[in-house]
Amino acid sequence: MSFSATYTYPGQDHTLGVLLSKQLLENSDVTFAAYKVPHPLTRSMNLRIHTEEKECEKVVLDSLAILQNKLNTFETAFEEAL
């Protein structure tokens, strides 16, 4: 069974799009993940995802949690380096 979904993130742009799509592609259940910013003057990002076995929402939430942990680790290392 496969799943697909498109999510819109208002107020977001390429920063989240790149990070999230790359993190999603590291998941073996993800067969496709890409984002687009519909218009450069509109702060909104659309994420398209296709998965096998797991529902898209679960995979996206798991990837966001992994990103949060990575960013927290980076922040800690940065602060310690100062």
Protein backbone atom coordinates (compact mmCIF):
# COMPACT_ATOMS: atom_id res chain seq x y z
CA MET A 1 0.00 0.00 0.00
CA SER A 2 1.30 3.46 -0.80
CA PHE A 3 0.33 6.88 0.46
CA SER A 4 0.72 10.40 -0.90
CA ALA A 5 -0.01 13.84 0.43
CA THR A 6 0.68 17.52 -0.09
CA TYR A 7 1.15 19.80 2.89
CA THR A 8 1.24 23.59 2.89
CA TYR A 9 3.37 25.42 5.43
CA PRO A 10 2.38 29.10 5.60
CA GLY A 11 5.15 31.46 6.62
CA GLN A 12 7.87 29.04 5.50
CA ASP A 13 10.21 29.07 2.54
CA HIS A 14 13.26 27.27 1.15
CA THR A 15 14.91 26.99 4.57
CA LEU A 16 12.40 24.46 5.89
CA GLY A 17 11.74 23.00 2.43
CA VAL A 18 15.33 21.92 1.84
CA LEU A 19 15.88 20.58 5.35
CA LEU A 20 12.62 18.65 5.50
CA SER A 21 12.73 17.17 2.00
CA LYS A 22 16.33 15.97 2.54
CA GLN A 23 15.43 14.45 5.90
CA LEU A 24 12.39 12.72 4.42
CA LEU A 25 14.49 11.18 1.65
CA GLU A 26 16.68 9.50 4.28
CA ASN A 27 13.66 7.43 5.33
CA SER A 28 13.45 4.13 3.45
CA ASP A 29 9.63 4.31 3.38
CA VAL A 30 9.72 7.56 1.38
CA THR A 31 9.69 7.11 -2.39
CA PHE A 32 9.35 10.80 -3.24
CA ALA A 33 9.72 14.05 -1.33
CA ALA A 34 9.97 17.51 -2.83
CA TYR A 35 8.95 21.03 -2.02
CA LYS A 36 8.19 24.21 -3.91
CA VAL A 37 7.61 27.82 -3.06
CA PRO A 38 4.68 28.85 -5.28
CA HIS A 39 5.72 32.50 -5.57
CA PRO A 40 8.72 34.37 -4.17
CA LEU A 41 6.55 37.15 -2.75
CA THR A 42 4.28 34.72 -0.90
CA ARG A 43 5.75 33.17 2.22
CA SER A 44 4.39 29.67 1.81
CA MET A 45 5.96 26.30 1.07
CA ASN A 46 4.26 23.20 -0.36
CA LEU A 47 5.64 19.74 0.44
CA ARG A 48 4.72 16.70 -1.66
CA ILE A 49 5.45 13.24 -0.27
CA HIS A 50 4.88 9.63 -1.37
CA THR A 51 5.48 6.74 1.01
CA GLU A 52 5.27 2.98 1.18
CA GLU A 53 3.84 1.20 4.23
CA LYS A 54 3.59 4.23 6.56
CA GLU A 55 1.14 7.12 6.43
CA CYS A 56 2.60 10.41 5.23
CA GLU A 57 1.62 12.37 8.33
CA LYS A 58 3.51 9.97 10.62
CA VAL A 59 6.61 10.07 8.42
CA VAL A 60 6.60 13.88 8.24
CA LEU A 61 6.13 14.24 12.00
CA ASP A 62 8.97 11.77 12.66
CA SER A 63 11.23 13.67 10.25
CA LEU A 64 10.41 16.98 11.90
CA ALA A 65 11.31 15.48 15.30
CA ILE A 66 14.64 14.23 13.91
CA LEU A 67 15.34 17.69 12.46
CA GLN A 68 14.54 19.31 15.81
CA ASN A 69 17.02 16.99 17.55
CA LYS A 70 19.71 17.73 14.96
CA LEU A 71 19.17 21.47 15.30
CA ASN A 72 19.30 21.25 19.10
CA THR A 73 22.59 19.33 18.87
CA PHE A 74 23.97 21.93 16.47
CA GLU A 75 22.89 24.79 18.74
CA THR A 76 24.53 23.18 21.77
CA ALA A 77 27.79 22.55 19.91
CA PHE A 78 27.77 26.12 18.58
CA GLU A 79 27.22 27.63 22.02
CA GLU A 80 29.98 25.46 23.52
CA ALA A 81 32.38 26.58 20.78
CA LEU A 82 31.81 30.22 21.69
